[in-house]
C-alpha atoms as a PDB file:
ATOM      1  CA  MET A   1      13.898  56.874-102.927  1.00  0.00           C
ATOM      2  CA  LEU A   2      16.664  54.548-104.091  1.00  0.00           C
ATOM      3  CA  SER A   3      19.724  56.295-105.486  1.00  0.00           C
ATOM      4  CA  PHE A   4      21.687  55.095-108.507  1.00  0.00           C
ATOM      5  CA  GLU A   5      24.597  54.218-106.194  1.00  0.00           C
ATOM      6  CA  GLU A   6      22.349  52.109-103.944  1.00  0.00           C
ATOM      7  CA  ALA A   7      20.859  50.364-106.979  1.00  0.00           C
ATOM      8  CA  THR A   8      24.355  49.698-108.347  1.00  0.00           C
ATOM      9  CA  GLN A   9      25.399  48.242-104.992  1.00  0.00           C
ATOM     10  CA  ARG A  10      22.406  45.886-105.052  1.00  0.00           C
ATOM     11  CA  VAL A  11      23.425  44.681-108.526  1.00  0.00           C
ATOM     12  CA  HIS A  12      27.009  44.088-107.327  1.00  0.00           C
ATOM     13  CA  GLU A  13      25.807  42.252-104.194  1.00  0.00           C
ATOM     14  CA  ALA A  14      23.824  39.902-106.437  1.00  0.00           C
ATOM     15  CA  GLY A  15      27.081  38.983-108.167  1.00  0.00           C
ATOM     16  CA  MET A  16      26.350  40.801-111.420  1.00  0.00           C
ATOM     17  CA  ARG A  17      28.769  43.004-113.276  1.00  0.00           C
ATOM     18  CA  MET A  18      27.831  46.618-113.854  1.00  0.00           C
ATOM     19  CA  THR A  19      28.384  46.876-117.608  1.00  0.00           C
ATOM     20  CA  GLN A  20      27.960  50.133-119.508  1.00  0.00           C
ATOM     21  CA  PRO A  21      24.621  49.077-121.049  1.00  0.00           C
ATOM     22  CA  ARG A  22      23.395  47.934-117.616  1.00  0.00           C
ATOM     23  CA  GLN A  23      24.401  51.283-116.072  1.00  0.00           C
ATOM     24  CA  THR A  24      22.604  53.230-118.783  1.00  0.00           C
ATOM     25  CA  LEU A  25      19.475  51.091-118.582  1.00  0.00           C
ATOM     26  CA  LEU A  26      19.462  51.303-114.786  1.00  0.00           C
ATOM     27  CA  ARG A  27      19.586  55.103-114.950  1.00  0.00           C
ATOM     28  CA  MET A  28      16.695  55.087-117.415  1.00  0.00           C
ATOM     29  CA  VAL A  29      14.658  52.753-115.213  1.00  0.00           C
ATOM     30  CA  LEU A  30      15.209  54.988-112.184  1.00  0.00           C
ATOM     31  CA  GLU A  31      14.046  58.011-114.208  1.00  0.00           C
ATOM     32  CA  ASN A  32      10.773  56.342-115.291  1.00  0.00           C
ATOM     33  CA  GLU A  33       8.074  57.341-112.816  1.00  0.00           C
ATOM     34  CA  GLN A  34       5.357  55.390-114.626  1.00  0.00           C
ATOM     35  CA  PRO A  35       5.162  51.783-115.856  1.00  0.00           C
ATOM     36  CA  PHE A  36       7.036  51.053-119.060  1.00  0.00           C
ATOM     37  CA  SER A  37       7.367  48.192-121.524  1.00  0.00           C
ATOM     38  CA  VAL A  38      10.576  46.592-122.735  1.00  0.00           C
ATOM     39  CA  GLU A  39       9.934  48.149-126.132  1.00  0.00           C
ATOM     40  CA  HIS A  40       9.512  51.611-124.579  1.00  0.00           C
ATOM     41  CA  LEU A  41      12.788  51.277-122.648  1.00  0.00           C
ATOM     42  CA  TYR A  42      14.514  49.977-125.790  1.00  0.00           C
ATOM     43  CA  ALA A  43      13.310  52.979-127.800  1.00  0.00           C
ATOM     44  CA  GLN A  44      14.398  55.280-124.974  1.00  0.00           C
ATOM     45  CA  ALA A  45      17.838  53.613-124.931  1.00  0.00           C
ATOM     46  CA  LEU A  46      18.286  53.971-128.701  1.00  0.00           C
ATOM     47  CA  ALA A  47      17.174  57.611-128.570  1.00  0.00           C
ATOM     48  CA  GLY A  48      19.717  58.159-125.791  1.00  0.00           C
ATOM     49  CA  GLY A  49      22.528  56.805-127.952  1.00  0.00           C
ATOM     50  CA  LEU A  50      22.919  53.365-126.362  1.00  0.00           C
ATOM     51  CA  GLU A  51      23.784  50.749-128.956  1.00  0.00           C
ATOM     52  CA  CYS A  52      22.071  47.593-127.730  1.00  0.00           C
ATOM     53  CA  SER A  53      19.657  44.917-128.844  1.00  0.00           C
ATOM     54  CA  LEU A  54      16.133  44.349-127.639  1.00  0.00           C
ATOM     55  CA  SER A  55      17.350  41.106-126.021  1.00  0.00           C
ATOM     56  CA  THR A  56      19.891  43.124-123.985  1.00  0.00           C
ATOM     57  CA  VAL A  57      17.047  45.207-122.586  1.00  0.00           C
ATOM     58  CA  TYR A  58      15.016  42.048-121.811  1.00  0.00           C
ATOM     59  CA  ARG A  59      17.961  40.382-120.032  1.00  0.00           C
ATOM     60  CA  ASN A  60      18.773  43.460-117.969  1.00  0.00           C
ATOM     61  CA  LEU A  61      15.165  44.038-116.934  1.00  0.00           C
ATOM     62  CA  GLU A  62      14.946  40.411-115.801  1.00  0.00           C
ATOM     63  CA  ALA A  63      18.166  40.926-113.805  1.00  0.00           C
ATOM     64  CA  PHE A  64      16.688  44.060-112.204  1.00  0.00           C
ATOM     65  CA  VAL A  65      13.548  42.088-111.296  1.00  0.00           C
ATOM     66  CA  GLN A  66      15.697  39.372-109.678  1.00  0.00           C
ATOM     67  CA  VAL A  67      17.454  41.889-107.407  1.00  0.00           C
ATOM     68  CA  HIS A  68      14.171  43.658-106.549  1.00  0.00           C
ATOM     69  CA  LEU A  69      14.975  46.909-108.339  1.00  0.00           C
ATOM     70  CA  VAL A  70      12.087  46.532-110.769  1.00  0.00           C
ATOM     71  CA  ASP A  71       8.619  45.058-110.337  1.00  0.00           C
ATOM     72  CA  GLU A  72       6.855  43.304-113.192  1.00  0.00           C
ATOM     73  CA  ILE A  73       3.224  44.323-113.430  1.00  0.00           C
ATOM     74  CA  PRO A  74       1.140  41.201-113.989  1.00  0.00           C
ATOM     75  CA  GLY A  75      -1.315  41.225-116.835  1.00  0.00           C
ATOM     76  CA  GLU A  76      -2.090  40.004-120.296  1.00  0.00           C
ATOM     77  CA  GLY A  77      -0.238  41.030-123.419  1.00  0.00           C
ATOM     78  CA  THR A  78       2.812  43.258-123.180  1.00  0.00           C
ATOM     79  CA  LYS A  79       4.589  43.021-119.845  1.00  0.00           C
ATOM     80  CA  LEU A  80       5.031  46.285-118.023  1.00  0.00           C
ATOM     81  CA  TYR A  81       7.663  47.155-115.457  1.00  0.00           C
ATOM     82  CA  ILE A  82       8.068  49.813-112.800  1.00  0.00           C
ATOM     83  CA  TRP A  83      11.006  50.448-110.513  1.00  0.00           C
ATOM     84  CA  HIS A  84      10.480  49.136-107.030  1.00  0.00           C
ATOM     85  CA  ARG A  85      10.218  51.699-104.253  1.00  0.00           C
ATOM     86  CA  GLN A  86       9.606  50.895-100.601  1.00  0.00           C
ATOM     87  CA  ASP A  87       7.096  53.763-100.421  1.00  0.00           C
ATOM     88  CA  SER A  88       5.101  52.285-103.294  1.00  0.00           C
ATOM     89  CA  ALA A  89       3.486  49.546-101.227  1.00  0.00           C
ATOM     90  CA  GLY A  90      -0.258  49.690-100.866  1.00  0.00           C
ATOM     91  CA  PRO A  91      -3.142  49.956-103.284  1.00  0.00           C
ATOM     92  CA  HIS A  92      -2.608  51.553-106.695  1.00  0.00           C
ATOM     93  CA  VAL A  93      -4.700  51.711-109.836  1.00  0.00           C
ATOM     94  CA  PHE A  94      -3.215  51.331-113.295  1.00  0.00           C
ATOM     95  CA  CYS A  95      -5.025  53.323-115.999  1.00  0.00           C
ATOM     96  CA  LEU A  96      -5.660  51.067-118.978  1.00  0.00           C
ATOM     97  CA  ASP A  97      -5.916  54.149-121.204  1.00  0.00           C
ATOM     98  CA  CYS A  98      -2.796  56.202-120.444  1.00  0.00           C
ATOM     99  CA  ARG A  99      -0.813  53.479-118.573  1.00  0.00           C
ATOM    100  CA  LYS A 100      -0.136  55.660-115.529  1.00  0.00           C
ATOM    101  CA  MET A 101      -0.003  54.252-112.007  1.00  0.00           C
ATOM    102  CA  THR A 102      -1.758  56.234-109.279  1.00  0.00           C
ATOM    103  CA  ALA A 103      -1.856  55.571-105.539  1.00  0.00           C
ATOM    104  CA  LEU A 104      -5.437  55.334-104.340  1.00  0.00           C
ATOM    105  CA  ALA A 105      -6.119  58.442-102.257  1.00  0.00           C
ATOM    106  CA  GLY A 106      -6.967  57.844 -98.619  1.00  0.00           C
ATOM    107  CA  MET A 107      -5.777  54.234 -98.630  1.00  0.00           C
ATOM    108  CA  ARG A 108      -2.603  53.105 -96.959  1.00  0.00           C
ATOM    109  CA  SER A 109      -0.424  50.037 -97.148  1.00  0.00           C
ATOM    110  CA  PRO A 110      -1.376  47.188 -94.786  1.00  0.00           C
ATOM    111  CA  GLU A 111       1.567  47.748 -92.442  1.00  0.00           C
ATOM    112  CA  ASN A 112       0.424  51.373 -91.928  1.00  0.00           C
ATOM    113  CA  ALA A 113      -3.308  50.650 -91.561  1.00  0.00           C
ATOM    114  CA  PRO A 114      -3.779  48.095 -88.771  1.00  0.00           C
ATOM    115  CA  SER A 115      -7.458  47.237 -89.224  1.00  0.00           C
ATOM    116  CA  ALA A 116      -8.707  43.686 -88.648  1.00  0.00           C
ATOM    117  CA  SER A 117      -8.843  42.875 -92.368  1.00  0.00           C
ATOM    118  CA  ASP A 118      -5.365  44.324 -92.885  1.00  0.00           C
ATOM    119  CA  SER A 119      -4.010  42.177 -90.042  1.00  0.00           C
ATOM    120  CA  GLU A 120      -5.571  39.123 -91.667  1.00  0.00           C
ATOM    121  CA  LEU A 121      -3.951  40.008 -94.981  1.00  0.00           C
ATOM    122  CA  LEU A 122      -0.540  40.453 -93.332  1.00  0.00           C
ATOM    123  CA  ARG A 123      -0.920  37.147 -91.485  1.00  0.00           C
ATOM    124  CA  ALA A 124      -1.975  35.343 -94.680  1.00  0.00           C
ATOM    125  CA  LEU A 125       0.996  36.776 -96.563  1.00  0.00           C
ATOM    126  CA  SER A 126       3.418  35.747 -93.809  1.00  0.00           C
ATOM    127  CA  GLN A 127       1.954  32.246 -93.530  1.00  0.00           C
ATOM    128  CA  SER A 128       2.328  31.822 -97.274  1.00  0.00           C
ATOM    129  CA  GLY A 129       5.995  32.839 -97.142  1.00  0.00           C
ATOM    130  CA  PHE A 130       5.707  36.409 -98.455  1.00  0.00           C
ATOM    131  CA  ASP A 131       7.220  39.630 -97.123  1.00  0.00           C
ATOM    132  CA  ALA A 132       4.258  41.983 -96.569  1.00  0.00           C
ATOM    133  CA  SER A 133       6.509  45.054 -96.706  1.00  0.00           C
ATOM    134  CA  THR A 134       7.145  44.332-100.393  1.00  0.00           C
ATOM    135  CA  MET A 135       3.496  43.873-101.310  1.00  0.00           C
ATOM    136  CA  ARG A 136       2.116  46.064-104.035  1.00  0.00           C
ATOM    137  CA  MET A 137      -1.609  45.835-104.573  1.00  0.00           C
ATOM    138  CA  MET A 138      -2.556  46.890-108.092  1.00  0.00           C
ATOM    139  CA  LEU A 139      -5.883  47.313-109.762  1.00  0.00           C
ATOM    140  CA  ALA A 140      -6.477  48.171-113.392  1.00  0.00           C
ATOM    141  CA  ALA A 141      -9.318  50.298-114.719  1.00  0.00           C
ATOM    142  CA  HIS A 142     -10.300  52.602-117.549  1.00  0.00           C
ATOM    143  CA  CYS A 143     -10.411  56.322-116.751  1.00  0.00           C
ATOM    144  CA  ILE A 144     -13.986  57.598-116.437  1.00  0.00           C
ATOM    145  CA  THR A 145     -13.220  61.146-117.522  1.00  0.00           C
ATOM    146  CA  LYS A 146     -11.006  60.155-120.435  1.00  0.00           C
ATOM    147  CA  SER A 147      -8.947  63.170-119.473  1.00  0.00           C
ATOM    148  CA  CYS A 148      -5.729  61.218-119.085  1.00  0.00           C
ATOM    149  CA  ASP A 149      -2.846  61.401-121.496  1.00  0.00           C
ATOM    150  CA  THR A 150      -3.326  58.645-124.086  1.00  0.00           C
ATOM    151  CA  GLU A 151       0.323  58.449-125.110  1.00  0.00           C
ATOM    152  CA  GLU A 152       2.377  55.494-123.911  1.00  0.00           C
ATOM    153  CA  ALA A 153       4.026  56.129-120.553  1.00  0.00           C
END
């Protein structure tokens, strides 16, 4: 797991200043285990006493995406973000009801599961100029049991 100090170093190495709002937002991002929206992080920041604008949160999240601290979850509507962890590669499912991300049990990331189809996927990623170790495969589905928490993550 990436520490706050390591995340701060990555921001510095990218040539960005570590302002007070950026420090506070970075700590909040690292504390969020589940995907979150800009609006959710903004509300969390205001509740935590940070005086900032919604545009400040947008700008900082985009900066965190650029330095690979945060991943943007593709989809329609509100963008969601989750902090990038090396151990988070591999297949995950995103619950469309409670917005929680869950690793699919019994499935491993391509670099840890060397089957023929996995090797083909790794080769295709490499040939297309992508780093397979940073791949995150995400699916989205509604919970069958409806037993998940329906509050925003």
